[in-house]
Amino acid sequence: MCWSPVADLAAGTAVAAVGVVCVARVRSPRDLPLAALPLLLGAHQIVEAALWHTGGGTGPATLAWAVIALPLLPLWVPAGVLLAATGPAVRRRLSLPMAAGAATAGVLAHALATGPVTADVRGRTVAYTLGLTHVPLIAAGYLLATVGALLLSGDRWLRALGWAAGAGAVVCWAVWRWAFVSTWCAVAAVCSLVLWGWVRSRPDRAPAEGGPGPR
């Protein structure tokens, strides 16, 4: 989310371009989901640029934004980290974020299927409303699935991504709560550059099963 349709479109295009470079550079099919994450984030922002022009509401752009943000990301991130992980010990650690992501995605997908999601343009922010109960529990599961998976990955680049995403989530929530300005597009740009560093750090071939991954 950015503070205007122009900012969303520009940031989304730039982040998606980083995603194209990451996907082109990827060496192993197991790394592809994480390498493609900037493409997903860029598309998310481009969708919101269209949503600004429609003035919010419950149209297709709102639903597309919600599908990416809510059920897709908490499943995509831990699954991508799990696929890229090396060694059974790391994979065992990632079973909890993966389970949290699947459960959270299921709850959010059910909410989207049974009730409308509404976008409301408020100055320089867009607020999204979806009838959810137990919001703190869902938020905890979401953060465990996304930030938790990155921090438990055993890879220094992905840990840095986890810290950046976690800190960015706190800042973005605070400024959005104050209805000041949305800053998630800046966080998405930083995260995409960290993922580019991760892709470049990956070995030409995967290490032997059970061997140490990149640190």
Protein backbone atom coordinates (compact mmCIF):
# COMPACT_ATOMS: atom_id res chain seq x y z
CA MET A 1 0.00 0.00 0.00
CA CYS A 2 1.23 3.45 -0.89
CA TRP A 3 -0.02 6.97 -0.30
CA SER A 4 -1.43 7.62 -3.79
CA PRO A 5 -2.31 5.75 -7.00
CA VAL A 6 0.78 7.11 -8.74
CA ALA A 7 3.04 5.98 -5.89
CA ASP A 8 1.40 2.55 -5.84
CA LEU A 9 1.83 2.14 -9.59
CA ALA A 10 5.45 3.34 -9.61
CA ALA A 11 6.46 1.28 -6.58
CA GLY A 12 4.59 -1.78 -7.81
CA THR A 13 6.27 -1.61 -11.20
CA ALA A 14 9.73 -1.24 -9.61
CA VAL A 15 9.17 -4.09 -7.15
CA ALA A 16 7.82 -6.34 -9.90
CA ALA A 17 10.90 -5.52 -12.01
CA VAL A 18 13.12 -6.72 -9.16
CA GLY A 19 11.00 -9.87 -9.13
CA VAL A 20 11.63 -10.46 -12.82
CA VAL A 21 15.39 -10.16 -12.23
CA CYS A 22 15.20 -12.52 -9.24
CA VAL A 23 13.28 -15.15 -11.19
CA ALA A 24 15.68 -14.86 -14.13
CA ARG A 25 18.68 -15.33 -11.82
CA VAL A 26 17.30 -18.23 -9.75
CA ARG A 27 19.42 -21.39 -9.90
CA SER A 28 17.15 -24.01 -8.35
CA PRO A 29 13.45 -24.64 -8.91
CA ARG A 30 13.11 -24.97 -5.12
CA ASP A 31 14.08 -21.30 -4.78
CA LEU A 32 11.53 -20.11 -7.33
CA PRO A 33 8.58 -19.35 -4.98
CA LEU A 34 10.65 -17.02 -2.79
CA ALA A 35 12.41 -15.51 -5.80
CA ALA A 36 8.99 -14.74 -7.29
CA LEU A 37 7.74 -13.04 -4.12
CA PRO A 38 8.62 -9.53 -5.38
CA LEU A 39 6.49 -10.22 -8.46
CA LEU A 40 3.56 -10.98 -6.17
CA LEU A 41 4.20 -7.89 -4.03
CA GLY A 42 4.53 -5.70 -7.12
CA ALA A 43 1.28 -7.04 -8.58
CA HIS A 44 -0.38 -6.39 -5.22
CA GLN A 45 0.57 -2.72 -5.35
CA ILE A 46 -0.47 -2.36 -8.99
CA VAL A 47 -3.88 -3.81 -8.07
CA GLU A 48 -4.18 -1.19 -5.35
CA ALA A 49 -3.32 1.55 -7.86
CA ALA A 50 -6.42 0.48 -9.79
CA LEU A 51 -8.39 0.40 -6.56
CA TRP A 52 -7.57 4.05 -5.83
CA HIS A 53 -9.14 5.03 -9.16
CA THR A 54 -12.35 3.14 -8.42
CA GLY A 55 -12.69 4.91 -5.06
CA GLY A 56 -12.63 1.68 -3.05
CA GLY A 57 -15.80 -0.28 -2.51
CA THR A 58 -16.26 -4.01 -2.99
CA GLY A 59 -15.23 -4.44 -6.63
CA PRO A 60 -12.84 -6.92 -8.28
CA ALA A 61 -9.73 -4.86 -7.41
CA THR A 62 -10.65 -4.93 -3.73
CA LEU A 63 -11.18 -8.68 -3.80
CA ALA A 64 -7.93 -9.29 -5.70
CA TRP A 65 -6.01 -7.15 -3.19
CA ALA A 66 -7.57 -9.04 -0.28
CA VAL A 67 -6.88 -12.50 -1.75
CA ILE A 68 -3.17 -11.71 -2.10
CA ALA A 69 -2.81 -9.97 1.26
CA LEU A 70 -4.90 -12.31 3.37
CA PRO A 71 -4.98 -16.03 2.50
CA LEU A 72 -2.18 -16.14 -0.10
CA LEU A 73 0.82 -14.52 1.61
CA PRO A 74 0.68 -16.48 4.92
CA LEU A 75 0.74 -19.67 2.86
CA TRP A 76 3.17 -18.57 0.15
CA VAL A 77 5.96 -17.31 2.43
CA PRO A 78 6.39 -20.33 4.77
CA ALA A 79 5.94 -22.75 1.86
CA GLY A 80 8.64 -20.90 -0.09
CA VAL A 81 11.00 -20.89 2.87
CA LEU A 82 10.35 -24.60 3.48
CA LEU A 83 11.06 -25.47 -0.15
CA ALA A 84 14.32 -23.51 -0.14
CA ALA A 85 15.46 -24.90 3.23
CA THR A 86 18.32 -27.37 3.44
CA GLY A 87 18.66 -29.99 6.12
CA PRO A 88 16.04 -31.89 8.13
CA ALA A 89 16.62 -29.82 11.29
CA VAL A 90 15.66 -26.59 9.53
CA ARG A 91 12.63 -28.22 7.94
CA ARG A 92 11.46 -29.46 11.33
CA ARG A 93 11.74 -25.92 12.72
CA LEU A 94 9.65 -24.64 9.85
CA SER A 95 6.79 -27.05 10.45
CA LEU A 96 5.20 -24.70 13.01
CA PRO A 97 5.16 -21.59 10.74
CA MET A 98 3.90 -23.79 7.91
CA ALA A 99 1.04 -25.12 10.04
CA ALA A 100 0.23 -21.60 11.28
CA GLY A 101 0.19 -20.34 7.70
CA ALA A 102 -2.14 -23.09 6.52
CA ALA A 103 -4.54 -22.51 9.42
CA THR A 104 -4.47 -18.72 9.03
CA ALA A 105 -4.95 -18.91 5.28
CA GLY A 106 -7.90 -21.26 5.78
CA VAL A 107 -9.61 -18.90 8.21
CA LEU A 108 -9.04 -15.87 5.99
CA ALA A 109 -10.13 -17.69 2.82
CA HIS A 110 -13.35 -18.72 4.57
CA ALA A 111 -13.96 -15.12 5.64
CA LEU A 112 -13.49 -13.90 2.06
CA ALA A 113 -15.78 -16.61 0.71
CA THR A 114 -18.61 -15.89 3.14
CA GLY A 115 -18.52 -12.12 3.54
CA PRO A 116 -17.63 -9.04 1.52
CA VAL A 117 -14.38 -7.12 1.89
CA THR A 118 -14.65 -3.35 1.53
CA ALA A 119 -11.98 -0.76 0.71
CA ASP A 120 -12.35 2.79 1.92
CA VAL A 121 -10.05 5.57 0.67
CA ARG A 122 -9.20 7.81 3.62
CA GLY A 123 -6.94 10.66 2.62
CA ARG A 124 -3.53 9.12 1.91
CA THR A 125 -4.45 5.62 3.09
CA VAL A 126 -6.81 2.84 2.06
CA ALA A 127 -8.62 0.98 4.84
CA TYR A 128 -9.91 -2.54 4.26
CA THR A 129 -12.82 -4.00 6.22
CA LEU A 130 -13.56 -7.72 6.52
CA GLY A 131 -15.82 -9.18 9.14
CA LEU A 132 -13.33 -11.11 11.28
CA THR A 133 -13.48 -12.34 14.84
CA HIS A 134 -10.48 -13.22 17.03
CA VAL A 135 -8.35 -10.69 15.14
CA PRO A 136 -5.37 -10.78 17.58
CA LEU A 137 -5.14 -14.58 17.20
CA ILE A 138 -5.31 -14.36 13.41
CA ALA A 139 -2.66 -11.62 13.40
CA ALA A 140 -0.39 -13.77 15.58
CA GLY A 141 -0.78 -16.72 13.22
CA TYR A 142 -0.11 -14.48 10.22
CA LEU A 143 3.10 -13.09 11.73
CA LEU A 144 4.27 -16.54 12.85
CA ALA A 145 3.73 -17.86 9.33
CA THR A 146 5.48 -15.02 7.52
CA VAL A 147 8.02 -13.32 9.78
CA GLY A 148 8.50 -16.45 11.90
CA ALA A 149 9.32 -18.65 8.91
CA LEU A 150 11.94 -16.18 7.69
CA LEU A 151 13.58 -15.85 11.12
CA LEU A 152 13.71 -19.65 11.52
CA SER A 153 15.06 -20.26 8.02
CA GLY A 154 18.71 -20.56 9.04
CA ASP A 155 19.73 -18.29 6.16
CA ARG A 156 21.24 -14.89 6.99
CA TRP A 157 19.54 -13.13 4.05
CA LEU A 158 16.14 -14.54 4.94
CA ARG A 159 16.63 -13.68 8.60
CA ALA A 160 17.41 -10.10 7.54
CA LEU A 161 14.24 -10.18 5.44
CA GLY A 162 12.29 -11.37 8.47
CA TRP A 163 13.59 -8.54 10.66
CA ALA A 164 12.87 -5.98 7.92
CA ALA A 165 9.34 -7.31 7.37
CA GLY A 166 8.61 -7.45 11.09
CA ALA A 167 9.85 -3.93 11.77
CA GLY A 168 8.12 -2.65 8.66
CA ALA A 169 4.82 -4.20 9.74
CA VAL A 170 4.98 -2.35 13.07
CA VAL A 171 5.78 0.99 11.44
CA CYS A 172 3.16 0.57 8.72
CA TRP A 173 0.49 -0.38 11.23
CA ALA A 174 1.30 2.65 13.38
CA VAL A 175 1.15 5.23 10.59
CA TRP A 176 -1.92 3.60 9.08
CA ARG A 177 -3.60 3.60 12.48
CA TRP A 178 -3.05 7.32 12.68
CA ALA A 179 -4.48 7.65 9.12
CA PHE A 180 -1.34 9.58 8.20
CA VAL A 181 0.11 7.81 5.20
CA SER A 182 0.61 4.24 4.03
CA THR A 183 4.24 3.15 3.86
CA TRP A 184 4.03 -0.54 2.97
CA CYS A 185 5.32 0.11 -0.57
CA ALA A 186 8.67 1.25 0.88
CA VAL A 187 8.86 -1.91 3.00
CA ALA A 188 8.03 -4.05 -0.05
CA ALA A 189 10.85 -2.36 -1.97
CA VAL A 190 13.37 -3.02 0.80
CA CYS A 191 12.22 -6.65 1.14
CA SER A 192 12.53 -7.16 -2.61
CA LEU A 193 16.12 -5.91 -2.60
CA VAL A 194 16.94 -8.26 0.28
CA LEU A 195 15.46 -11.13 -1.73
CA TRP A 196 17.64 -10.12 -4.67
CA GLY A 197 20.64 -10.43 -2.36
CA TRP A 198 19.38 -13.85 -1.26
CA VAL A 199 19.01 -15.06 -4.84
CA ARG A 200 22.55 -13.92 -5.65
CA SER A 201 23.89 -15.72 -2.56
CA ARG A 202 22.40 -19.09 -3.46
CA PRO A 203 24.84 -21.78 -4.63
CA ASP A 204 24.85 -23.09 -8.18
CA ARG A 205 23.62 -26.44 -6.93
CA ALA A 206 21.83 -27.39 -3.74
CA PRO A 207 24.03 -28.77 -0.94
CA ALA A 208 23.81 -32.40 -0.06
CA GLU A 209 20.76 -33.40 1.98
CA GLY A 210 21.43 -32.73 5.64
CA GLY A 211 24.34 -30.41 4.86
CA PRO A 212 24.52 -26.82 5.99
CA GLY A 213 22.79 -24.19 3.89
CA PRO A 214 24.13 -20.69 3.20
CA ARG A 215 24.64 -18.56 6.29
